């Protein structure tokens, strides 16, 4: 097996890289595992478009799946790992530059320019993708449970519906599934504000001096 360069960070584990025709490739399984995918093979099949299985890179006689920089971005976009963006910074701001600085990976200038343009396009795609991403059913259930806990109730009631109606009005949506990815990052704070308003409108009972 040709040399695989190993890079390691405590919170993400190891990722292995290879150089083929002056281009960096990542071991797809390592990247998918670092990004929290349970089924790494399925993640590679669903998200990666430039998978390479090179004769020179085998483990136990089996060619390993190598992926491009673009495919690393695609796995980052599809990951639910809270630290996915931190992983992106580690790989693209630390790992790749360190390879270039030490001379282990020397790309021609026009290739670097091309990759920079590709990365820029991918970042734009990521932004558009996030706009299309909506909260999942499990997230919806988590937010619903959170509201009930804050209202000290077990089942949806009038106040629950008021909180939800106010939330949807503020966000300009009609249902949970309409809430986009970026908005969901600040959703708890918005929910808390809605709950605070609804609680402030609760009628209070004035106790009489004659009541026991």
N, C-alpha and C. Protein backbone atom coordinates (compact mmCIF):
# COMPACT_ATOMS: atom_id res chain seq x y z
N UNK A 1 0.85 -1.20 0.00
CA UNK A 1 0.00 0.00 0.00
C UNK A 1 0.88 1.24 0.00
N UNK A 2 0.63 2.20 -0.85
CA UNK A 2 1.35 3.45 -0.86
C UNK A 2 1.15 4.19 0.45
N UNK A 3 2.01 5.17 0.68
CA UNK A 3 1.96 5.88 1.96
C UNK A 3 0.67 6.66 2.14
N UNK A 4 0.09 6.51 3.29
CA UNK A 4 -1.05 7.32 3.71
C UNK A 4 -0.57 8.22 4.84
N UNK A 5 -0.79 9.51 4.70
CA UNK A 5 -0.41 10.45 5.75
C UNK A 5 -1.52 10.50 6.79
N UNK A 6 -1.15 10.46 8.05
CA UNK A 6 -2.13 10.42 9.14
C UNK A 6 -2.14 11.75 9.89
N UNK A 7 -3.34 12.28 10.08
CA UNK A 7 -3.52 13.51 10.87
C UNK A 7 -4.52 13.20 11.98
N UNK A 8 -4.25 13.76 13.14
CA UNK A 8 -5.09 13.40 14.29
C UNK A 8 -5.43 14.62 15.13
N UNK A 9 -6.68 14.67 15.58
CA UNK A 9 -7.14 15.68 16.52
C UNK A 9 -8.03 14.97 17.52
N UNK A 10 -7.85 15.28 18.79
CA UNK A 10 -8.50 14.53 19.86
C UNK A 10 -10.00 14.38 19.66
N UNK A 11 -10.70 15.47 19.33
CA UNK A 11 -12.16 15.40 19.25
C UNK A 11 -12.67 14.75 17.97
N UNK A 12 -11.80 14.59 16.96
CA UNK A 12 -12.25 13.99 15.70
C UNK A 12 -11.58 12.66 15.39
N UNK A 13 -10.51 12.33 16.10
CA UNK A 13 -9.79 11.10 15.81
C UNK A 13 -8.82 11.28 14.65
N UNK A 14 -8.55 10.20 13.93
CA UNK A 14 -7.58 10.22 12.84
C UNK A 14 -8.26 10.32 11.48
N UNK A 15 -7.62 11.05 10.58
CA UNK A 15 -8.00 10.98 9.17
C UNK A 15 -6.73 10.71 8.38
N UNK A 16 -6.85 9.86 7.37
CA UNK A 16 -5.71 9.53 6.52
C UNK A 16 -5.87 10.16 5.15
N UNK A 17 -4.74 10.57 4.60
CA UNK A 17 -4.76 11.24 3.30
C UNK A 17 -3.74 10.61 2.37
N UNK A 18 -4.00 10.76 1.07
CA UNK A 18 -3.09 10.26 0.05
C UNK A 18 -2.94 11.33 -1.03
N UNK A 19 -1.85 11.24 -1.76
CA UNK A 19 -1.63 12.15 -2.89
C UNK A 19 -1.63 11.35 -4.18
N UNK A 20 -2.52 11.70 -5.09
CA UNK A 20 -2.61 11.03 -6.38
C UNK A 20 -2.58 12.10 -7.46
N UNK A 21 -1.59 12.02 -8.35
CA UNK A 21 -1.44 13.01 -9.44
C UNK A 21 -1.43 14.43 -8.89
N UNK A 22 -0.68 14.64 -7.83
CA UNK A 22 -0.52 15.97 -7.22
C UNK A 22 -1.82 16.53 -6.64
N UNK A 23 -2.74 15.67 -6.32
CA UNK A 23 -4.00 16.12 -5.71
C UNK A 23 -4.22 15.36 -4.40
N UNK A 24 -4.74 16.05 -3.38
CA UNK A 24 -4.97 15.38 -2.10
C UNK A 24 -6.28 14.60 -2.10
N UNK A 25 -6.24 13.42 -1.54
CA UNK A 25 -7.45 12.62 -1.36
C UNK A 25 -7.53 12.18 0.10
N UNK A 26 -8.74 12.03 0.58
CA UNK A 26 -8.97 11.63 1.97
C UNK A 26 -9.58 10.23 1.99
N UNK A 27 -9.24 9.45 3.01
CA UNK A 27 -9.91 8.16 3.19
C UNK A 27 -11.34 8.47 3.64
N UNK A 28 -12.29 8.15 2.77
CA UNK A 28 -13.69 8.53 3.00
C UNK A 28 -14.25 8.04 4.32
N UNK A 29 -13.90 6.81 4.68
CA UNK A 29 -14.42 6.23 5.93
C UNK A 29 -13.98 7.04 7.13
N UNK A 30 -12.72 7.53 7.11
CA UNK A 30 -12.20 8.33 8.23
C UNK A 30 -12.98 9.62 8.39
N UNK A 31 -13.21 10.30 7.26
CA UNK A 31 -13.92 11.59 7.30
C UNK A 31 -15.35 11.40 7.79
N UNK A 32 -16.03 10.39 7.22
CA UNK A 32 -17.43 10.14 7.61
C UNK A 32 -17.53 9.80 9.10
N UNK A 33 -16.59 9.00 9.59
CA UNK A 33 -16.59 8.63 11.01
C UNK A 33 -16.36 9.85 11.89
N UNK A 34 -15.42 10.71 11.49
CA UNK A 34 -15.12 11.92 12.27
C UNK A 34 -16.31 12.86 12.33
N UNK A 35 -17.16 12.82 11.29
CA UNK A 35 -18.32 13.70 11.22
C UNK A 35 -19.57 13.07 11.83
N UNK A 36 -19.41 11.93 12.48
CA UNK A 36 -20.51 11.35 13.24
C UNK A 36 -21.46 10.46 12.47
N UNK A 37 -21.12 10.08 11.23
CA UNK A 37 -21.99 9.18 10.48
C UNK A 37 -21.87 7.77 11.05
N UNK A 38 -23.00 7.15 11.37
CA UNK A 38 -22.97 5.80 11.91
C UNK A 38 -22.65 4.77 10.83
N UNK A 39 -23.25 4.94 9.66
CA UNK A 39 -22.98 4.05 8.54
C UNK A 39 -22.10 4.79 7.54
N UNK A 40 -20.80 4.62 7.67
CA UNK A 40 -19.87 5.40 6.86
C UNK A 40 -19.97 5.06 5.37
N UNK A 41 -20.18 3.79 5.05
CA UNK A 41 -20.29 3.40 3.64
C UNK A 41 -21.51 4.04 2.99
N UNK A 42 -22.62 4.05 3.71
CA UNK A 42 -23.84 4.66 3.19
C UNK A 42 -23.65 6.17 3.01
N UNK A 43 -22.96 6.80 3.95
CA UNK A 43 -22.71 8.25 3.86
C UNK A 43 -21.90 8.58 2.62
N UNK A 44 -20.90 7.77 2.34
CA UNK A 44 -20.06 7.99 1.16
C UNK A 44 -20.87 7.81 -0.12
N UNK A 45 -21.70 6.78 -0.16
CA UNK A 45 -22.53 6.52 -1.34
C UNK A 45 -23.51 7.65 -1.59
N UNK A 46 -24.10 8.21 -0.52
CA UNK A 46 -25.14 9.23 -0.66
C UNK A 46 -24.59 10.62 -0.94
N UNK A 47 -23.43 10.93 -0.38
CA UNK A 47 -22.95 12.32 -0.44
C UNK A 47 -21.77 12.55 -1.38
N UNK A 48 -20.99 11.53 -1.67
CA UNK A 48 -19.74 11.75 -2.41
C UNK A 48 -19.88 11.44 -3.90
N UNK A 49 -19.27 12.31 -4.71
CA UNK A 49 -19.37 12.18 -6.16
C UNK A 49 -18.04 11.82 -6.82
N UNK A 50 -16.94 12.03 -6.11
CA UNK A 50 -15.63 11.79 -6.72
C UNK A 50 -14.84 10.70 -6.06
N UNK A 51 -15.50 9.60 -5.71
CA UNK A 51 -14.83 8.50 -5.01
C UNK A 51 -13.84 7.80 -5.94
N UNK A 52 -12.63 7.59 -5.43
CA UNK A 52 -11.59 6.92 -6.21
C UNK A 52 -11.12 5.70 -5.44
N UNK A 53 -11.00 4.58 -6.13
CA UNK A 53 -10.41 3.37 -5.53
C UNK A 53 -9.16 3.03 -6.34
N UNK A 54 -8.01 3.43 -5.79
CA UNK A 54 -6.74 3.34 -6.50
C UNK A 54 -6.04 2.02 -6.19
N UNK A 55 -5.41 1.47 -7.20
CA UNK A 55 -4.74 0.18 -7.05
C UNK A 55 -3.65 0.22 -5.99
N UNK A 56 -3.05 1.40 -5.81
CA UNK A 56 -1.94 1.51 -4.88
C UNK A 56 -2.33 1.66 -3.43
N UNK A 57 -3.63 1.79 -3.17
CA UNK A 57 -4.07 2.00 -1.79
C UNK A 57 -5.07 0.91 -1.40
N UNK A 58 -4.56 -0.09 -0.68
CA UNK A 58 -5.39 -1.23 -0.28
C UNK A 58 -5.19 -1.54 1.19
N UNK A 59 -6.22 -2.10 1.80
CA UNK A 59 -6.13 -2.64 3.16
C UNK A 59 -6.64 -4.07 3.10
N UNK A 60 -5.79 -5.02 3.49
CA UNK A 60 -6.13 -6.45 3.41
C UNK A 60 -6.55 -6.83 2.00
N UNK A 61 -5.86 -6.25 1.02
CA UNK A 61 -6.13 -6.58 -0.37
C UNK A 61 -7.33 -5.89 -0.98
N UNK A 62 -8.03 -5.08 -0.20
CA UNK A 62 -9.23 -4.39 -0.69
C UNK A 62 -8.92 -2.91 -0.90
N UNK A 63 -9.27 -2.41 -2.08
CA UNK A 63 -9.04 -0.99 -2.36
C UNK A 63 -9.89 -0.13 -1.44
N UNK A 64 -9.29 0.91 -0.90
CA UNK A 64 -10.04 1.79 -0.01
C UNK A 64 -10.62 2.96 -0.79
N UNK A 65 -11.76 3.44 -0.33
CA UNK A 65 -12.44 4.55 -1.00
C UNK A 65 -11.79 5.87 -0.60
N UNK A 66 -11.26 6.57 -1.59
CA UNK A 66 -10.65 7.88 -1.37
C UNK A 66 -11.58 8.95 -1.94
N UNK A 67 -11.69 10.07 -1.24
CA UNK A 67 -12.60 11.13 -1.69
C UNK A 67 -11.86 12.45 -1.84
N UNK A 68 -12.42 13.33 -2.67
CA UNK A 68 -11.81 14.62 -2.97
C UNK A 68 -12.15 15.66 -1.89
N UNK A 69 -11.54 16.85 -2.02
CA UNK A 69 -11.87 17.95 -1.11
C UNK A 69 -13.35 18.32 -1.21
N UNK A 70 -13.86 18.30 -2.44
CA UNK A 70 -15.27 18.63 -2.64
C UNK A 70 -16.19 17.67 -1.91
N UNK A 71 -15.81 16.40 -1.90
CA UNK A 71 -16.63 15.40 -1.20
C UNK A 71 -16.55 15.56 0.31
N UNK A 72 -15.41 16.04 0.80
CA UNK A 72 -15.31 16.33 2.24
C UNK A 72 -16.32 17.40 2.61
N UNK A 73 -16.43 18.44 1.76
CA UNK A 73 -17.41 19.49 2.00
C UNK A 73 -18.83 18.93 2.00
N UNK A 74 -19.10 18.02 1.07
CA UNK A 74 -20.46 17.45 0.98
C UNK A 74 -20.79 16.65 2.24
N UNK A 75 -19.82 15.94 2.76
CA UNK A 75 -20.05 15.20 4.01
C UNK A 75 -20.25 16.15 5.18
N UNK A 76 -19.53 17.28 5.18
CA UNK A 76 -19.69 18.28 6.24
C UNK A 76 -21.10 18.84 6.22
N UNK A 77 -21.58 19.18 5.02
CA UNK A 77 -22.92 19.75 4.86
C UNK A 77 -24.00 18.79 5.36
N UNK A 78 -23.83 17.51 5.07
CA UNK A 78 -24.84 16.52 5.44
C UNK A 78 -24.74 16.03 6.87
N UNK A 79 -23.70 16.45 7.59
CA UNK A 79 -23.48 15.96 8.95
C UNK A 79 -24.36 16.68 9.96
N UNK A 80 -24.80 15.94 10.97
CA UNK A 80 -25.54 16.53 12.10
C UNK A 80 -24.63 16.80 13.29
N UNK A 81 -23.34 16.59 13.11
CA UNK A 81 -22.39 16.81 14.20
C UNK A 81 -22.33 18.29 14.56
N UNK A 82 -22.53 18.64 15.83
CA UNK A 82 -22.49 20.06 16.23
C UNK A 82 -21.18 20.74 15.87
N UNK A 83 -20.08 19.97 15.88
CA UNK A 83 -18.76 20.55 15.60
C UNK A 83 -18.33 20.35 14.16
N UNK A 84 -19.28 20.17 13.25
CA UNK A 84 -18.94 19.94 11.84
C UNK A 84 -18.15 21.11 11.26
N UNK A 85 -18.54 22.33 11.61
CA UNK A 85 -17.82 23.50 11.09
C UNK A 85 -16.41 23.56 11.67
N UNK A 86 -16.25 23.12 12.90
CA UNK A 86 -14.91 23.07 13.51
C UNK A 86 -14.04 22.05 12.80
N UNK A 87 -14.65 20.94 12.39
CA UNK A 87 -13.93 19.93 11.62
C UNK A 87 -13.48 20.52 10.29
N UNK A 88 -14.39 21.28 9.65
CA UNK A 88 -14.07 21.94 8.39
C UNK A 88 -12.85 22.85 8.56
N UNK A 89 -12.82 23.64 9.63
CA UNK A 89 -11.70 24.56 9.88
C UNK A 89 -10.41 23.78 10.08
N UNK A 90 -10.49 22.68 10.83
CA UNK A 90 -9.30 21.88 11.07
C UNK A 90 -8.72 21.35 9.77
N UNK A 91 -9.56 20.78 8.93
CA UNK A 91 -9.08 20.16 7.68
C UNK A 91 -8.56 21.21 6.70
N UNK A 92 -9.36 22.26 6.48
CA UNK A 92 -9.03 23.20 5.41
C UNK A 92 -8.14 24.36 5.86
N UNK A 93 -8.11 24.63 7.15
CA UNK A 93 -7.26 25.73 7.64
C UNK A 93 -5.97 25.24 8.28
N UNK A 94 -5.92 23.95 8.65
CA UNK A 94 -4.72 23.43 9.31
C UNK A 94 -4.07 22.28 8.55
N UNK A 95 -4.86 21.24 8.27
CA UNK A 95 -4.29 20.03 7.67
C UNK A 95 -3.72 20.30 6.28
N UNK A 96 -4.57 20.79 5.38
CA UNK A 96 -4.10 21.02 4.01
C UNK A 96 -2.98 22.05 3.93
N UNK A 97 -3.08 23.20 4.62
CA UNK A 97 -1.96 24.15 4.57
C UNK A 97 -0.66 23.57 5.10
N UNK A 98 -0.74 22.73 6.14
CA UNK A 98 0.48 22.15 6.70
C UNK A 98 1.15 21.22 5.71
N UNK A 99 0.36 20.53 4.91
CA UNK A 99 0.90 19.63 3.89
C UNK A 99 1.63 20.45 2.84
N UNK A 100 1.02 21.55 2.43
CA UNK A 100 1.63 22.38 1.39
C UNK A 100 2.91 23.04 1.88
N UNK A 101 2.90 23.48 3.15
CA UNK A 101 4.07 24.16 3.71
C UNK A 101 5.26 23.22 3.83
N UNK A 102 5.01 21.97 4.16
CA UNK A 102 6.11 21.02 4.35
C UNK A 102 6.54 20.37 3.04
N UNK A 103 5.85 20.71 1.98
CA UNK A 103 6.23 20.19 0.68
C UNK A 103 5.72 18.81 0.38
N UNK A 104 4.90 18.26 1.28
CA UNK A 104 4.36 16.93 1.04
C UNK A 104 3.31 16.95 -0.06
N UNK A 105 2.72 18.12 -0.24
CA UNK A 105 1.73 18.23 -1.31
C UNK A 105 1.99 19.53 -2.05
N UNK A 106 2.43 19.45 -3.27
CA UNK A 106 2.74 20.61 -4.09
C UNK A 106 1.85 20.60 -5.33
N UNK A 107 0.87 21.47 -5.34
CA UNK A 107 -0.02 21.58 -6.50
C UNK A 107 0.43 22.74 -7.35
N UNK A 108 0.21 22.64 -8.62
CA UNK A 108 0.52 23.75 -9.52
C UNK A 108 -0.43 24.90 -9.22
N UNK A 109 0.03 26.13 -9.53
CA UNK A 109 -0.73 27.31 -9.16
C UNK A 109 -2.12 27.33 -9.78
N UNK A 110 -2.22 26.87 -11.03
CA UNK A 110 -3.54 26.91 -11.67
C UNK A 110 -4.49 25.90 -11.04
N UNK A 111 -3.92 24.83 -10.50
CA UNK A 111 -4.75 23.85 -9.79
C UNK A 111 -5.27 24.45 -8.49
N UNK A 112 -4.39 25.16 -7.77
CA UNK A 112 -4.79 25.82 -6.53
C UNK A 112 -5.89 26.83 -6.80
N UNK A 113 -5.71 27.60 -7.86
CA UNK A 113 -6.73 28.59 -8.22
C UNK A 113 -8.06 27.92 -8.52
N UNK A 114 -7.98 26.81 -9.25
CA UNK A 114 -9.19 26.08 -9.60
C UNK A 114 -9.89 25.54 -8.35
N UNK A 115 -9.09 25.00 -7.43
CA UNK A 115 -9.66 24.47 -6.18
C UNK A 115 -10.28 25.58 -5.34
N UNK A 116 -9.62 26.74 -5.32
CA UNK A 116 -10.16 27.87 -4.57
C UNK A 116 -11.52 28.28 -5.11
N UNK A 117 -11.61 28.30 -6.45
CA UNK A 117 -12.90 28.62 -7.06
C UNK A 117 -13.95 27.58 -6.73
N UNK A 118 -13.53 26.31 -6.75
CA UNK A 118 -14.47 25.23 -6.44
C UNK A 118 -14.96 25.33 -5.00
N UNK A 119 -14.03 25.63 -4.08
CA UNK A 119 -14.40 25.77 -2.67
C UNK A 119 -15.36 26.93 -2.49
N UNK A 120 -15.09 28.04 -3.21
CA UNK A 120 -16.00 29.18 -3.13
C UNK A 120 -17.39 28.82 -3.61
N UNK A 121 -17.45 28.06 -4.71
CA UNK A 121 -18.75 27.62 -5.23
C UNK A 121 -19.45 26.70 -4.23
N UNK A 122 -18.67 25.82 -3.61
CA UNK A 122 -19.25 24.89 -2.64
C UNK A 122 -19.79 25.61 -1.42
N UNK A 123 -19.08 26.66 -0.98
CA UNK A 123 -19.57 27.43 0.17
C UNK A 123 -20.89 28.10 -0.16
N UNK A 124 -21.00 28.57 -1.44
CA UNK A 124 -22.27 29.15 -1.86
C UNK A 124 -23.36 28.10 -1.88
N UNK A 125 -22.98 26.89 -2.33
CA UNK A 125 -23.94 25.78 -2.36
C UNK A 125 -24.38 25.41 -0.95
N UNK A 126 -23.42 25.45 -0.01
CA UNK A 126 -23.74 25.14 1.39
C UNK A 126 -24.78 26.10 1.93
N UNK A 127 -24.61 27.40 1.62
CA UNK A 127 -25.57 28.40 2.09
C UNK A 127 -26.95 28.12 1.53
N UNK A 128 -27.01 27.80 0.22
CA UNK A 128 -28.29 27.50 -0.40
C UNK A 128 -28.89 26.22 0.19
N UNK A 129 -28.02 25.24 0.44
CA UNK A 129 -28.47 23.97 1.00
C UNK A 129 -29.09 24.18 2.38
N UNK A 130 -28.45 25.04 3.19
CA UNK A 130 -28.97 25.32 4.53
C UNK A 130 -30.34 25.97 4.47
N UNK A 131 -30.56 26.80 3.43
CA UNK A 131 -31.87 27.43 3.29
C UNK A 131 -32.94 26.39 3.02
N UNK A 132 -32.55 25.35 2.27
CA UNK A 132 -33.50 24.30 1.91
C UNK A 132 -33.70 23.30 3.05
N UNK A 133 -32.69 23.19 3.92
CA UNK A 133 -32.78 22.24 5.03
C UNK A 133 -33.83 22.68 6.03
N UNK A 134 -34.69 21.80 6.40
CA UNK A 134 -35.72 22.09 7.40
C UNK A 134 -35.48 21.20 8.62
N UNK A 135 -36.12 21.56 9.71
CA UNK A 135 -35.91 20.77 10.92
C UNK A 135 -36.54 19.39 10.77
N UNK A 136 -35.93 18.41 11.38
CA UNK A 136 -36.40 17.03 11.27
C UNK A 136 -37.55 16.78 12.24
N UNK A 137 -38.18 15.63 12.06
CA UNK A 137 -39.30 15.24 12.93
C UNK A 137 -38.83 15.12 14.38
N UNK A 138 -37.63 14.58 14.58
CA UNK A 138 -37.12 14.42 15.94
C UNK A 138 -36.86 15.78 16.59
N UNK A 139 -36.36 16.73 15.80
CA UNK A 139 -36.14 18.09 16.31
C UNK A 139 -37.48 18.73 16.68
N UNK A 140 -38.47 18.52 15.83
CA UNK A 140 -39.80 19.07 16.10
C UNK A 140 -40.32 18.55 17.44
N UNK A 141 -40.14 17.26 17.68
CA UNK A 141 -40.59 16.66 18.94
C UNK A 141 -39.81 17.23 20.14
N UNK A 142 -38.52 17.48 19.93
CA UNK A 142 -37.70 18.05 21.00
C UNK A 142 -38.17 19.46 21.38
N UNK A 143 -38.45 20.28 20.36
CA UNK A 143 -38.91 21.64 20.63
C UNK A 143 -40.28 21.62 21.30
N UNK A 144 -41.15 20.72 20.84
CA UNK A 144 -42.48 20.61 21.42
C UNK A 144 -42.38 20.20 22.90
N UNK A 145 -41.51 19.25 23.18
CA UNK A 145 -41.32 18.80 24.57
C UNK A 145 -40.74 19.92 25.42
N UNK A 146 -39.83 20.70 24.83
CA UNK A 146 -39.21 21.81 25.56
C UNK A 146 -40.26 22.84 25.98
N UNK A 147 -41.17 23.18 25.05
CA UNK A 147 -42.23 24.15 25.36
C UNK A 147 -43.10 23.63 26.49
N UNK A 148 -43.48 22.36 26.42
CA UNK A 148 -44.34 21.77 27.46
C UNK A 148 -43.64 21.79 28.82
N UNK A 149 -42.34 21.48 28.83
CA UNK A 149 -41.59 21.51 30.09
C UNK A 149 -41.55 22.91 30.67
N UNK A 150 -41.36 23.90 29.81
CA UNK A 150 -41.30 25.28 30.28
C UNK A 150 -42.65 25.77 30.80
N UNK A 151 -43.72 25.20 30.25
CA UNK A 151 -45.07 25.58 30.68
C UNK A 151 -45.59 24.68 31.81
N UNK A 152 -44.77 23.70 32.19
CA UNK A 152 -45.15 22.75 33.25
C UNK A 152 -46.42 21.98 32.90
N UNK A 153 -46.48 21.49 31.68
CA UNK A 153 -47.64 20.70 31.24
C UNK A 153 -47.15 19.41 30.59
N UNK A 154 -48.04 18.42 30.53
CA UNK A 154 -47.71 17.15 29.89
C UNK A 154 -48.27 17.06 28.48
N UNK A 155 -49.39 17.74 28.26
CA UNK A 155 -50.04 17.71 26.95
C UNK A 155 -50.26 19.13 26.45
N UNK A 156 -50.42 19.24 25.14
CA UNK A 156 -50.66 20.56 24.54
C UNK A 156 -51.97 21.14 25.08
N UNK A 157 -51.91 22.41 25.44
CA UNK A 157 -53.11 23.09 25.91
C UNK A 157 -53.20 24.46 25.24
N UNK A 158 -54.03 25.33 25.78
CA UNK A 158 -54.24 26.64 25.17
C UNK A 158 -52.94 27.45 25.14
N UNK A 159 -52.22 27.46 26.26
CA UNK A 159 -50.97 28.22 26.31
C UNK A 159 -49.93 27.66 25.34
N UNK A 160 -49.87 26.35 25.25
CA UNK A 160 -48.94 25.72 24.31
C UNK A 160 -49.24 26.19 22.89
N UNK A 161 -50.51 26.17 22.52
CA UNK A 161 -50.90 26.60 21.18
C UNK A 161 -50.63 28.08 20.96
N UNK A 162 -50.75 28.88 22.03
CA UNK A 162 -50.46 30.31 21.92
C UNK A 162 -48.97 30.55 21.68
N UNK A 163 -48.15 29.80 22.40
CA UNK A 163 -46.69 29.91 22.22
C UNK A 163 -46.31 29.53 20.79
N UNK A 164 -46.87 28.41 20.34
CA UNK A 164 -46.56 27.93 18.99
C UNK A 164 -47.04 28.93 17.93
N UNK A 165 -48.24 29.47 18.12
CA UNK A 165 -48.79 30.43 17.16
C UNK A 165 -47.93 31.70 17.11
N UNK A 166 -47.50 32.16 18.28
CA UNK A 166 -46.66 33.36 18.33
C UNK A 166 -45.31 33.10 17.66
N UNK A 167 -44.74 31.92 17.93
CA UNK A 167 -43.46 31.54 17.33
C UNK A 167 -43.56 31.53 15.80
N UNK A 168 -44.59 30.86 15.28
CA UNK A 168 -44.76 30.77 13.83
C UNK A 168 -44.99 32.14 13.21
N UNK A 169 -45.71 33.01 13.94
CA UNK A 169 -45.96 34.36 13.44
C UNK A 169 -44.66 35.14 13.33
N UNK A 170 -43.82 35.04 14.35
CA UNK A 170 -42.52 35.74 14.34
C UNK A 170 -41.63 35.25 13.20
N UNK A 171 -41.63 33.94 12.98
CA UNK A 171 -40.77 33.33 11.96
C UNK A 171 -41.37 33.40 10.56
N UNK A 172 -42.66 33.74 10.48
CA UNK A 172 -43.31 33.81 9.18
C UNK A 172 -43.51 32.45 8.53
N UNK A 173 -43.80 31.44 9.36
CA UNK A 173 -44.02 30.08 8.85
C UNK A 173 -45.39 29.59 9.30
N UNK A 174 -45.82 28.49 8.70
CA UNK A 174 -47.13 27.93 9.04
C UNK A 174 -47.03 26.65 9.85
N UNK A 175 -45.84 26.00 9.81
CA UNK A 175 -45.67 24.75 10.54
C UNK A 175 -44.20 24.54 10.86
N UNK A 176 -43.91 23.61 11.76
CA UNK A 176 -42.54 23.34 12.17
C UNK A 176 -41.63 23.06 10.98
N UNK A 177 -42.14 22.29 10.04
CA UNK A 177 -41.32 21.84 8.92
C UNK A 177 -40.87 22.98 8.01
N UNK A 178 -41.48 24.17 8.17
CA UNK A 178 -41.10 25.31 7.33
C UNK A 178 -39.89 26.07 7.88
N UNK A 179 -39.47 25.73 9.10
CA UNK A 179 -38.36 26.45 9.74
C UNK A 179 -37.04 25.97 9.15
N UNK A 180 -36.22 26.91 8.65
CA UNK A 180 -34.99 26.52 7.97
C UNK A 180 -33.85 26.27 8.95
N UNK A 181 -32.75 25.77 8.41
CA UNK A 181 -31.60 25.33 9.20
C UNK A 181 -31.01 26.45 10.05
N UNK A 182 -30.72 27.60 9.42
CA UNK A 182 -30.08 28.70 10.15
C UNK A 182 -30.97 29.23 11.28
N UNK A 183 -32.27 29.35 11.00
CA UNK A 183 -33.19 29.84 12.02
C UNK A 183 -33.25 28.89 13.21
N UNK A 184 -33.17 27.59 12.94
CA UNK A 184 -33.28 26.60 14.01
C UNK A 184 -32.14 26.71 15.02
N UNK A 185 -31.00 27.30 14.59
CA UNK A 185 -29.88 27.45 15.51
C UNK A 185 -30.19 28.39 16.67
N UNK A 186 -31.11 29.35 16.44
CA UNK A 186 -31.48 30.31 17.49
C UNK A 186 -32.90 30.10 17.99
N UNK A 187 -33.46 28.94 17.70
CA UNK A 187 -34.88 28.72 17.96
C UNK A 187 -35.22 28.71 19.46
N UNK A 188 -34.35 28.14 20.27
CA UNK A 188 -34.63 28.07 21.71
C UNK A 188 -34.80 29.47 22.30
N UNK A 189 -33.95 30.39 21.90
CA UNK A 189 -34.04 31.76 22.41
C UNK A 189 -35.37 32.41 22.01
N UNK A 190 -35.78 32.18 20.76
CA UNK A 190 -37.05 32.75 20.29
C UNK A 190 -38.22 32.11 21.03
N UNK A 191 -38.15 30.79 21.24
CA UNK A 191 -39.20 30.09 21.99
C UNK A 191 -39.30 30.64 23.41
N UNK A 192 -38.14 30.85 24.04
CA UNK A 192 -38.13 31.40 25.40
C UNK A 192 -38.80 32.77 25.46
N UNK A 193 -38.55 33.60 24.46
CA UNK A 193 -39.17 34.92 24.41
C UNK A 193 -40.69 34.80 24.29
N UNK A 194 -41.14 33.86 23.45
CA UNK A 194 -42.58 33.65 23.27
C UNK A 194 -43.22 33.16 24.57
N UNK A 195 -42.56 32.23 25.24
CA UNK A 195 -43.09 31.70 26.50
C UNK A 195 -43.17 32.80 27.56
N UNK A 196 -42.16 33.65 27.59
CA UNK A 196 -42.14 34.74 28.56
C UNK A 196 -43.35 35.67 28.36
N UNK A 197 -43.66 35.97 27.09
CA UNK A 197 -44.81 36.83 26.79
C UNK A 197 -46.12 36.17 27.20
N UNK A 198 -46.27 34.89 26.84
CA UNK A 198 -47.51 34.18 27.15
C UNK A 198 -47.69 34.04 28.66
N UNK A 199 -46.61 33.75 29.38
CA UNK A 199 -46.71 33.63 30.83
C UNK A 199 -47.08 34.96 31.48
N UNK A 200 -46.59 36.06 30.89
CA UNK A 200 -46.89 37.38 31.47
C UNK A 200 -48.35 37.75 31.32
N UNK A 201 -49.04 37.08 30.39
CA UNK A 201 -50.46 37.36 30.16
C UNK A 201 -51.37 36.46 30.99
N UNK A 202 -50.77 35.60 31.80
CA UNK A 202 -51.58 34.72 32.65
C UNK A 202 -52.37 35.54 33.68
N UNK A 203 -53.65 35.26 33.86
CA UNK A 203 -54.41 35.95 34.91
C UNK A 203 -53.94 35.46 36.27
N UNK A 204 -53.87 36.36 37.22
CA UNK A 204 -53.45 35.93 38.55
C UNK A 204 -54.61 36.11 39.51
N UNK A 205 -54.61 35.24 40.49
CA UNK A 205 -55.70 35.26 41.46
C UNK A 205 -55.28 36.04 42.68
N UNK A 206 -56.06 37.08 43.00
CA UNK A 206 -55.76 37.87 44.19
C UNK A 206 -56.43 37.22 45.40
N UNK A 207 -55.61 36.85 46.37
CA UNK A 207 -56.13 36.16 47.54
C UNK A 207 -56.83 37.14 48.48
N UNK A 208 -57.95 36.71 49.00
CA UNK A 208 -58.69 37.53 49.97
C UNK A 208 -58.16 37.26 51.36
N UNK A 209 -58.19 38.27 52.19
CA UNK A 209 -57.76 38.09 53.57
C UNK A 209 -58.63 37.08 54.30
N UNK A 210 -59.84 36.87 53.77
CA UNK A 210 -60.79 35.98 54.45
C UNK A 210 -60.62 34.53 54.01
N UNK A 211 -59.75 34.32 52.96
CA UNK A 211 -59.55 32.95 52.48
C UNK A 211 -58.47 32.28 53.33
N UNK A 212 -58.69 31.01 53.59
CA UNK A 212 -57.71 30.27 54.38
C UNK A 212 -56.56 29.82 53.48
